N, C-alpha and C. Protein backbone atom coordinates (compact mmCIF):
# COMPACT_ATOMS: atom_id res chain seq x y z
N MET A 1 -31.76 -27.54 -14.10
CA MET A 1 -31.57 -26.74 -12.90
C MET A 1 -30.22 -26.04 -12.90
N LEU A 2 -29.17 -26.74 -13.35
CA LEU A 2 -27.84 -26.13 -13.41
C LEU A 2 -27.83 -24.94 -14.36
N ASN A 3 -28.56 -25.04 -15.47
CA ASN A 3 -28.61 -23.92 -16.41
C ASN A 3 -29.20 -22.68 -15.76
N ALA A 4 -30.25 -22.86 -14.97
CA ALA A 4 -30.86 -21.73 -14.27
C ALA A 4 -29.87 -21.11 -13.28
N LEU A 5 -29.14 -21.95 -12.55
CA LEU A 5 -28.14 -21.46 -11.61
C LEU A 5 -27.05 -20.68 -12.34
N GLU A 6 -26.61 -21.19 -13.49
CA GLU A 6 -25.58 -20.51 -14.27
C GLU A 6 -26.04 -19.13 -14.72
N VAL A 7 -27.26 -19.06 -15.23
CA VAL A 7 -27.79 -17.79 -15.71
C VAL A 7 -28.01 -16.83 -14.55
N PHE A 8 -28.63 -17.30 -13.47
CA PHE A 8 -28.90 -16.43 -12.32
C PHE A 8 -27.60 -15.90 -11.73
N THR A 9 -26.60 -16.75 -11.61
CA THR A 9 -25.31 -16.34 -11.06
C THR A 9 -24.65 -15.30 -11.95
N THR A 10 -24.64 -15.57 -13.24
CA THR A 10 -24.00 -14.65 -14.19
C THR A 10 -24.70 -13.29 -14.18
N VAL A 11 -26.00 -13.29 -14.17
CA VAL A 11 -26.74 -12.02 -14.14
C VAL A 11 -26.49 -11.29 -12.82
N SER A 12 -26.52 -12.00 -11.71
CA SER A 12 -26.29 -11.39 -10.40
C SER A 12 -24.91 -10.75 -10.33
N VAL A 13 -23.89 -11.48 -10.74
CA VAL A 13 -22.52 -10.94 -10.74
C VAL A 13 -22.41 -9.79 -11.74
N GLY A 14 -23.02 -9.94 -12.89
CA GLY A 14 -22.95 -8.89 -13.90
C GLY A 14 -23.58 -7.59 -13.46
N VAL A 15 -24.73 -7.67 -12.82
CA VAL A 15 -25.37 -6.45 -12.32
C VAL A 15 -24.53 -5.83 -11.21
N MET A 16 -23.95 -6.66 -10.34
CA MET A 16 -23.08 -6.14 -9.28
C MET A 16 -21.88 -5.41 -9.89
N VAL A 17 -21.29 -5.99 -10.90
CA VAL A 17 -20.16 -5.35 -11.58
C VAL A 17 -20.61 -4.01 -12.17
N GLY A 18 -21.80 -3.99 -12.75
CA GLY A 18 -22.32 -2.75 -13.32
C GLY A 18 -22.50 -1.66 -12.28
N VAL A 19 -23.01 -2.03 -11.13
CA VAL A 19 -23.18 -1.05 -10.04
C VAL A 19 -21.83 -0.52 -9.61
N GLU A 20 -20.87 -1.41 -9.38
CA GLU A 20 -19.55 -0.98 -8.91
C GLU A 20 -18.82 -0.17 -9.98
N PHE A 21 -18.97 -0.54 -11.23
CA PHE A 21 -18.39 0.23 -12.34
C PHE A 21 -18.99 1.63 -12.36
N SER A 22 -20.31 1.70 -12.21
CA SER A 22 -21.00 2.98 -12.20
C SER A 22 -20.54 3.87 -11.04
N VAL A 23 -20.35 3.28 -9.87
CA VAL A 23 -19.84 4.05 -8.73
C VAL A 23 -18.48 4.63 -9.08
N ALA A 24 -17.60 3.80 -9.64
CA ALA A 24 -16.24 4.23 -9.93
C ALA A 24 -16.16 5.30 -11.01
N PHE A 25 -16.90 5.10 -12.09
CA PHE A 25 -16.69 5.94 -13.26
C PHE A 25 -17.81 6.92 -13.58
N VAL A 26 -18.91 6.87 -12.82
CA VAL A 26 -20.00 7.81 -13.06
C VAL A 26 -20.36 8.56 -11.77
N ILE A 27 -20.84 7.85 -10.77
CA ILE A 27 -21.35 8.48 -9.56
C ILE A 27 -20.28 9.32 -8.86
N ASN A 28 -19.10 8.75 -8.62
CA ASN A 28 -18.06 9.49 -7.90
C ASN A 28 -17.57 10.69 -8.69
N ARG A 29 -17.59 10.61 -10.01
CA ARG A 29 -17.20 11.77 -10.82
C ARG A 29 -18.26 12.87 -10.76
N ILE A 30 -19.52 12.46 -10.71
CA ILE A 30 -20.58 13.46 -10.55
C ILE A 30 -20.43 14.13 -9.19
N LEU A 31 -20.24 13.33 -8.15
CA LEU A 31 -20.10 13.89 -6.80
C LEU A 31 -18.87 14.80 -6.71
N ALA A 32 -17.78 14.42 -7.35
CA ALA A 32 -16.55 15.22 -7.30
C ALA A 32 -16.74 16.59 -7.95
N ALA A 33 -17.69 16.73 -8.85
CA ALA A 33 -17.93 18.01 -9.53
C ALA A 33 -18.78 18.95 -8.68
N LEU A 34 -19.34 18.45 -7.59
CA LEU A 34 -20.17 19.27 -6.72
C LEU A 34 -19.30 20.03 -5.71
N PRO A 35 -19.87 21.07 -5.08
CA PRO A 35 -19.13 21.75 -4.02
C PRO A 35 -18.76 20.76 -2.91
N ASP A 36 -17.69 21.06 -2.17
CA ASP A 36 -17.15 20.13 -1.17
C ASP A 36 -18.20 19.56 -0.23
N ASP A 37 -19.07 20.41 0.34
CA ASP A 37 -20.05 19.91 1.29
C ASP A 37 -21.00 18.91 0.62
N SER A 38 -21.46 19.25 -0.57
CA SER A 38 -22.38 18.35 -1.29
C SER A 38 -21.69 17.06 -1.69
N CYS A 39 -20.46 17.18 -2.15
CA CYS A 39 -19.68 16.00 -2.52
C CYS A 39 -19.54 15.07 -1.33
N GLN A 40 -19.11 15.61 -0.22
CA GLN A 40 -18.86 14.80 0.97
C GLN A 40 -20.16 14.19 1.50
N LEU A 41 -21.24 14.96 1.52
CA LEU A 41 -22.53 14.43 1.97
C LEU A 41 -23.03 13.33 1.04
N GLY A 42 -22.85 13.50 -0.26
CA GLY A 42 -23.26 12.48 -1.23
C GLY A 42 -22.46 11.20 -1.06
N ARG A 43 -21.16 11.32 -0.86
CA ARG A 43 -20.34 10.13 -0.65
C ARG A 43 -20.71 9.44 0.65
N ALA A 44 -20.98 10.21 1.70
CA ALA A 44 -21.38 9.60 2.98
C ALA A 44 -22.69 8.84 2.82
N HIS A 45 -23.65 9.45 2.12
CA HIS A 45 -24.94 8.79 1.91
C HIS A 45 -24.76 7.52 1.07
N GLY A 46 -23.96 7.62 0.01
CA GLY A 46 -23.68 6.44 -0.81
C GLY A 46 -22.99 5.35 0.00
N GLY A 47 -22.09 5.74 0.88
CA GLY A 47 -21.40 4.78 1.73
C GLY A 47 -22.36 4.06 2.67
N ARG A 48 -23.33 4.79 3.19
CA ARG A 48 -24.33 4.16 4.07
C ARG A 48 -25.24 3.23 3.28
N MET A 49 -25.73 3.72 2.15
CA MET A 49 -26.69 2.94 1.37
C MET A 49 -26.04 1.70 0.76
N LEU A 50 -24.97 1.89 0.01
CA LEU A 50 -24.32 0.75 -0.63
C LEU A 50 -23.57 -0.10 0.38
N GLY A 51 -23.11 0.51 1.46
CA GLY A 51 -22.44 -0.26 2.51
C GLY A 51 -23.36 -1.26 3.17
N ALA A 52 -24.65 -1.02 3.11
CA ALA A 52 -25.63 -1.96 3.68
C ALA A 52 -25.98 -3.07 2.69
N VAL A 53 -25.97 -2.77 1.40
CA VAL A 53 -26.42 -3.71 0.38
C VAL A 53 -25.28 -4.57 -0.17
N MET A 54 -24.16 -3.95 -0.44
CA MET A 54 -23.10 -4.64 -1.18
C MET A 54 -22.50 -5.84 -0.46
N PRO A 55 -22.32 -5.83 0.86
CA PRO A 55 -21.77 -7.04 1.49
C PRO A 55 -22.62 -8.28 1.22
N VAL A 56 -23.92 -8.13 1.29
CA VAL A 56 -24.82 -9.25 1.02
C VAL A 56 -24.67 -9.69 -0.44
N TRP A 57 -24.58 -8.74 -1.33
CA TRP A 57 -24.48 -9.02 -2.75
C TRP A 57 -23.15 -9.72 -3.07
N TYR A 58 -22.07 -9.24 -2.48
CA TYR A 58 -20.76 -9.88 -2.71
C TYR A 58 -20.77 -11.33 -2.23
N VAL A 59 -21.24 -11.53 -1.01
CA VAL A 59 -21.23 -12.88 -0.44
C VAL A 59 -22.18 -13.80 -1.20
N SER A 60 -23.36 -13.31 -1.53
CA SER A 60 -24.31 -14.17 -2.25
C SER A 60 -23.78 -14.50 -3.65
N SER A 61 -23.09 -13.56 -4.30
CA SER A 61 -22.49 -13.85 -5.61
C SER A 61 -21.41 -14.91 -5.49
N LEU A 62 -20.62 -14.83 -4.44
CA LEU A 62 -19.59 -15.83 -4.20
C LEU A 62 -20.22 -17.20 -3.92
N VAL A 63 -21.26 -17.22 -3.09
CA VAL A 63 -21.94 -18.48 -2.78
C VAL A 63 -22.56 -19.09 -4.04
N LEU A 64 -23.22 -18.27 -4.83
CA LEU A 64 -23.81 -18.78 -6.07
C LEU A 64 -22.75 -19.35 -7.01
N THR A 65 -21.62 -18.67 -7.10
CA THR A 65 -20.54 -19.15 -7.96
C THR A 65 -19.98 -20.47 -7.42
N ALA A 66 -19.83 -20.56 -6.12
CA ALA A 66 -19.35 -21.82 -5.51
C ALA A 66 -20.35 -22.94 -5.76
N LEU A 67 -21.64 -22.66 -5.63
CA LEU A 67 -22.67 -23.68 -5.90
C LEU A 67 -22.61 -24.14 -7.35
N TRP A 68 -22.41 -23.20 -8.26
CA TRP A 68 -22.27 -23.53 -9.67
C TRP A 68 -21.08 -24.46 -9.88
N ALA A 69 -19.96 -24.13 -9.25
CA ALA A 69 -18.76 -24.98 -9.40
C ALA A 69 -19.01 -26.38 -8.85
N ILE A 70 -19.68 -26.47 -7.73
CA ILE A 70 -19.95 -27.78 -7.11
C ILE A 70 -20.95 -28.57 -7.96
N ALA A 71 -22.04 -27.90 -8.37
CA ALA A 71 -23.08 -28.59 -9.12
C ALA A 71 -22.61 -29.04 -10.50
N GLY A 72 -21.68 -28.29 -11.08
CA GLY A 72 -21.21 -28.64 -12.42
C GLY A 72 -19.79 -29.18 -12.43
N TRP A 73 -19.39 -29.79 -11.32
CA TRP A 73 -18.00 -30.19 -11.13
C TRP A 73 -17.41 -30.98 -12.30
N HIS A 74 -18.18 -31.87 -12.89
CA HIS A 74 -17.64 -32.72 -13.96
C HIS A 74 -17.99 -32.21 -15.36
N ARG A 75 -18.40 -30.98 -15.43
CA ARG A 75 -18.76 -30.41 -16.73
C ARG A 75 -17.64 -29.50 -17.24
N PRO A 76 -17.58 -29.31 -18.54
CA PRO A 76 -16.58 -28.38 -19.09
C PRO A 76 -16.80 -26.97 -18.55
N GLY A 77 -15.73 -26.26 -18.33
CA GLY A 77 -15.83 -24.88 -17.86
C GLY A 77 -15.78 -24.72 -16.36
N THR A 78 -15.76 -25.84 -15.63
CA THR A 78 -15.75 -25.74 -14.17
C THR A 78 -14.50 -25.03 -13.66
N GLY A 79 -13.38 -25.25 -14.31
CA GLY A 79 -12.15 -24.56 -13.91
C GLY A 79 -12.30 -23.05 -14.00
N LEU A 80 -13.03 -22.59 -15.01
CA LEU A 80 -13.29 -21.16 -15.14
C LEU A 80 -14.18 -20.65 -14.01
N VAL A 81 -15.16 -21.44 -13.64
CA VAL A 81 -16.05 -21.05 -12.55
C VAL A 81 -15.27 -20.97 -11.24
N VAL A 82 -14.39 -21.93 -11.02
CA VAL A 82 -13.56 -21.92 -9.81
C VAL A 82 -12.64 -20.69 -9.83
N THR A 83 -12.11 -20.36 -10.99
CA THR A 83 -11.28 -19.15 -11.11
C THR A 83 -12.08 -17.90 -10.78
N ALA A 84 -13.31 -17.83 -11.29
CA ALA A 84 -14.18 -16.68 -10.99
C ALA A 84 -14.46 -16.61 -9.50
N ALA A 85 -14.71 -17.76 -8.88
CA ALA A 85 -14.94 -17.78 -7.43
C ALA A 85 -13.71 -17.26 -6.69
N GLY A 86 -12.52 -17.66 -7.14
CA GLY A 86 -11.29 -17.18 -6.53
C GLY A 86 -11.16 -15.66 -6.66
N LEU A 87 -11.51 -15.13 -7.82
CA LEU A 87 -11.47 -13.68 -8.00
C LEU A 87 -12.50 -12.97 -7.11
N LEU A 88 -13.66 -13.59 -6.94
CA LEU A 88 -14.66 -13.01 -6.04
C LEU A 88 -14.17 -13.03 -4.59
N VAL A 89 -13.45 -14.08 -4.21
CA VAL A 89 -12.84 -14.12 -2.87
C VAL A 89 -11.86 -12.96 -2.73
N VAL A 90 -11.04 -12.74 -3.75
CA VAL A 90 -10.10 -11.61 -3.71
C VAL A 90 -10.85 -10.29 -3.53
N SER A 91 -11.96 -10.13 -4.24
CA SER A 91 -12.73 -8.88 -4.11
C SER A 91 -13.31 -8.71 -2.71
N VAL A 92 -13.73 -9.80 -2.10
CA VAL A 92 -14.25 -9.72 -0.73
C VAL A 92 -13.13 -9.37 0.24
N VAL A 93 -11.98 -10.00 0.08
CA VAL A 93 -10.84 -9.71 0.96
C VAL A 93 -10.40 -8.26 0.79
N MET A 94 -10.32 -7.79 -0.45
CA MET A 94 -9.98 -6.39 -0.70
C MET A 94 -10.98 -5.47 -0.01
N SER A 95 -12.25 -5.81 -0.12
CA SER A 95 -13.28 -4.98 0.49
C SER A 95 -13.10 -4.89 2.00
N VAL A 96 -12.95 -6.04 2.63
CA VAL A 96 -12.87 -6.09 4.09
C VAL A 96 -11.60 -5.40 4.59
N LEU A 97 -10.48 -5.64 3.93
CA LEU A 97 -9.21 -5.11 4.42
C LEU A 97 -8.94 -3.67 4.02
N LEU A 98 -9.39 -3.26 2.83
CA LEU A 98 -9.01 -1.96 2.30
C LEU A 98 -10.15 -0.94 2.26
N LEU A 99 -11.29 -1.34 1.73
CA LEU A 99 -12.34 -0.38 1.48
C LEU A 99 -13.30 -0.16 2.65
N VAL A 100 -13.69 -1.22 3.32
CA VAL A 100 -14.66 -1.10 4.41
C VAL A 100 -14.17 -0.20 5.54
N PRO A 101 -12.90 -0.29 5.95
CA PRO A 101 -12.47 0.62 7.02
C PRO A 101 -12.62 2.11 6.66
N ILE A 102 -12.29 2.46 5.42
CA ILE A 102 -12.46 3.85 4.99
C ILE A 102 -13.94 4.18 4.93
N ASN A 103 -14.74 3.29 4.36
CA ASN A 103 -16.17 3.53 4.24
C ASN A 103 -16.83 3.69 5.61
N ASN A 104 -16.44 2.86 6.56
CA ASN A 104 -17.04 2.95 7.90
C ASN A 104 -16.77 4.29 8.55
N ARG A 105 -15.61 4.87 8.27
CA ARG A 105 -15.33 6.21 8.81
C ARG A 105 -16.11 7.26 8.04
N SER A 106 -16.03 7.22 6.73
CA SER A 106 -16.55 8.31 5.90
C SER A 106 -18.07 8.38 5.88
N LYS A 107 -18.73 7.28 6.13
CA LYS A 107 -20.21 7.32 6.07
C LYS A 107 -20.81 8.08 7.25
N THR A 108 -20.02 8.37 8.26
CA THR A 108 -20.53 9.12 9.42
C THR A 108 -20.16 10.59 9.37
N TRP A 109 -19.38 10.99 8.39
CA TRP A 109 -18.91 12.36 8.33
C TRP A 109 -20.00 13.32 7.86
N THR A 110 -19.93 14.51 8.39
CA THR A 110 -20.74 15.63 7.94
C THR A 110 -19.77 16.78 7.68
N PRO A 111 -20.23 17.85 7.06
CA PRO A 111 -19.33 18.99 6.86
C PRO A 111 -18.76 19.53 8.18
N GLU A 112 -19.47 19.31 9.27
CA GLU A 112 -19.02 19.81 10.57
C GLU A 112 -18.00 18.91 11.25
N ASN A 113 -18.00 17.62 10.98
CA ASN A 113 -17.12 16.71 11.73
C ASN A 113 -16.11 15.95 10.85
N ARG A 114 -16.08 16.24 9.57
CA ARG A 114 -15.16 15.50 8.70
C ARG A 114 -13.71 15.91 9.02
N PRO A 115 -12.79 14.96 8.85
CA PRO A 115 -11.38 15.28 9.12
C PRO A 115 -10.80 16.14 7.99
N ALA A 116 -9.69 16.76 8.28
CA ALA A 116 -9.05 17.63 7.29
C ALA A 116 -8.62 16.85 6.05
N ASP A 117 -8.31 15.57 6.21
CA ASP A 117 -7.85 14.76 5.06
C ASP A 117 -8.96 13.95 4.41
N TRP A 118 -10.19 14.39 4.52
CA TRP A 118 -11.31 13.60 4.00
C TRP A 118 -11.18 13.35 2.50
N LYS A 119 -10.68 14.33 1.75
CA LYS A 119 -10.52 14.13 0.30
C LYS A 119 -9.45 13.09 0.01
N GLU A 120 -8.35 13.11 0.74
CA GLU A 120 -7.30 12.13 0.55
C GLU A 120 -7.81 10.72 0.86
N GLN A 121 -8.58 10.60 1.94
CA GLN A 121 -9.16 9.29 2.27
C GLN A 121 -10.12 8.83 1.18
N GLY A 122 -10.90 9.76 0.65
CA GLY A 122 -11.80 9.43 -0.45
C GLY A 122 -11.04 9.01 -1.70
N ASN A 123 -9.95 9.70 -1.99
CA ASN A 123 -9.12 9.33 -3.15
C ASN A 123 -8.49 7.95 -2.96
N ARG A 124 -8.09 7.64 -1.73
CA ARG A 124 -7.52 6.31 -1.45
C ARG A 124 -8.60 5.24 -1.67
N TRP A 125 -9.81 5.50 -1.16
CA TRP A 125 -10.92 4.56 -1.36
C TRP A 125 -11.15 4.36 -2.87
N ASP A 126 -11.13 5.47 -3.62
CA ASP A 126 -11.35 5.38 -5.06
C ASP A 126 -10.30 4.50 -5.74
N ARG A 127 -9.02 4.67 -5.38
CA ARG A 127 -7.96 3.85 -5.99
C ARG A 127 -8.17 2.37 -5.68
N TYR A 128 -8.49 2.06 -4.43
CA TYR A 128 -8.76 0.66 -4.07
C TYR A 128 -9.98 0.14 -4.83
N HIS A 129 -10.97 1.01 -4.97
CA HIS A 129 -12.20 0.61 -5.65
C HIS A 129 -11.92 0.32 -7.13
N TYR A 130 -11.08 1.12 -7.79
CA TYR A 130 -10.73 0.85 -9.18
C TYR A 130 -10.12 -0.54 -9.32
N ALA A 131 -9.22 -0.87 -8.39
CA ALA A 131 -8.60 -2.20 -8.43
C ALA A 131 -9.64 -3.29 -8.21
N ARG A 132 -10.56 -3.06 -7.26
CA ARG A 132 -11.61 -4.05 -7.01
C ARG A 132 -12.51 -4.20 -8.22
N VAL A 133 -12.85 -3.12 -8.88
CA VAL A 133 -13.67 -3.19 -10.09
C VAL A 133 -12.96 -4.02 -11.16
N ALA A 134 -11.66 -3.85 -11.30
CA ALA A 134 -10.91 -4.66 -12.28
C ALA A 134 -11.01 -6.14 -11.94
N VAL A 135 -10.91 -6.48 -10.67
CA VAL A 135 -11.04 -7.88 -10.24
C VAL A 135 -12.45 -8.38 -10.54
N LEU A 136 -13.45 -7.58 -10.25
CA LEU A 136 -14.84 -7.98 -10.50
C LEU A 136 -15.12 -8.15 -11.99
N VAL A 137 -14.60 -7.25 -12.81
CA VAL A 137 -14.79 -7.38 -14.26
C VAL A 137 -14.14 -8.67 -14.75
N ALA A 138 -12.96 -8.97 -14.23
CA ALA A 138 -12.29 -10.23 -14.61
C ALA A 138 -13.13 -11.44 -14.19
N ALA A 139 -13.68 -11.42 -12.97
CA ALA A 139 -14.52 -12.52 -12.50
C ALA A 139 -15.74 -12.69 -13.40
N PHE A 140 -16.36 -11.59 -13.75
CA PHE A 140 -17.54 -11.65 -14.62
C PHE A 140 -17.17 -12.20 -16.00
N ALA A 141 -16.06 -11.73 -16.56
CA ALA A 141 -15.63 -12.21 -17.87
C ALA A 141 -15.35 -13.70 -17.85
N VAL A 142 -14.75 -14.16 -16.77
CA VAL A 142 -14.45 -15.60 -16.65
C VAL A 142 -15.75 -16.40 -16.53
N LEU A 143 -16.72 -15.88 -15.77
CA LEU A 143 -18.01 -16.57 -15.66
C LEU A 143 -18.70 -16.66 -17.01
N VAL A 144 -18.70 -15.57 -17.75
CA VAL A 144 -19.32 -15.58 -19.08
C VAL A 144 -18.60 -16.59 -19.98
N SER A 145 -17.29 -16.62 -19.87
CA SER A 145 -16.52 -17.59 -20.67
C SER A 145 -16.90 -19.03 -20.32
N ALA A 146 -17.21 -19.26 -19.06
CA ALA A 146 -17.60 -20.61 -18.63
C ALA A 146 -18.94 -21.04 -19.25
N LEU A 147 -19.74 -20.07 -19.64
CA LEU A 147 -21.04 -20.40 -20.24
C LEU A 147 -20.92 -20.87 -21.68
N VAL A 148 -19.86 -20.48 -22.34
CA VAL A 148 -19.76 -20.80 -23.77
C VAL A 148 -18.79 -21.92 -24.07
């Protein structure tokens, strides 16, 4: 049973990292190449769609990692799993304190009501997101290390 939890957790976190990596280095670059109205509308739609899904995914990944640490407490690699859980906590805190406030504003914007600094706010979100992706990649790498 623990092996199934380890695999399911690792895959869940890995796919989440892939989605967030894709947002940072593929989707946002595609959107940035579009005209301003299309770029802003695409980011707002992405903020609504992923803003609804990602909180559940982040929390469930953290819970799965914590369950893995508890279930395998006396097994080798548990310290790595606890480290990964700590990194996932950091990613959740970063999300709540830094990224969610910007996302909550930007997901309601349209070309008619967006603020003059919408690009600057988007760039700030992107910088925070790059840092969060680095934390998530580290968490995933540590989880994979715990498997071997």
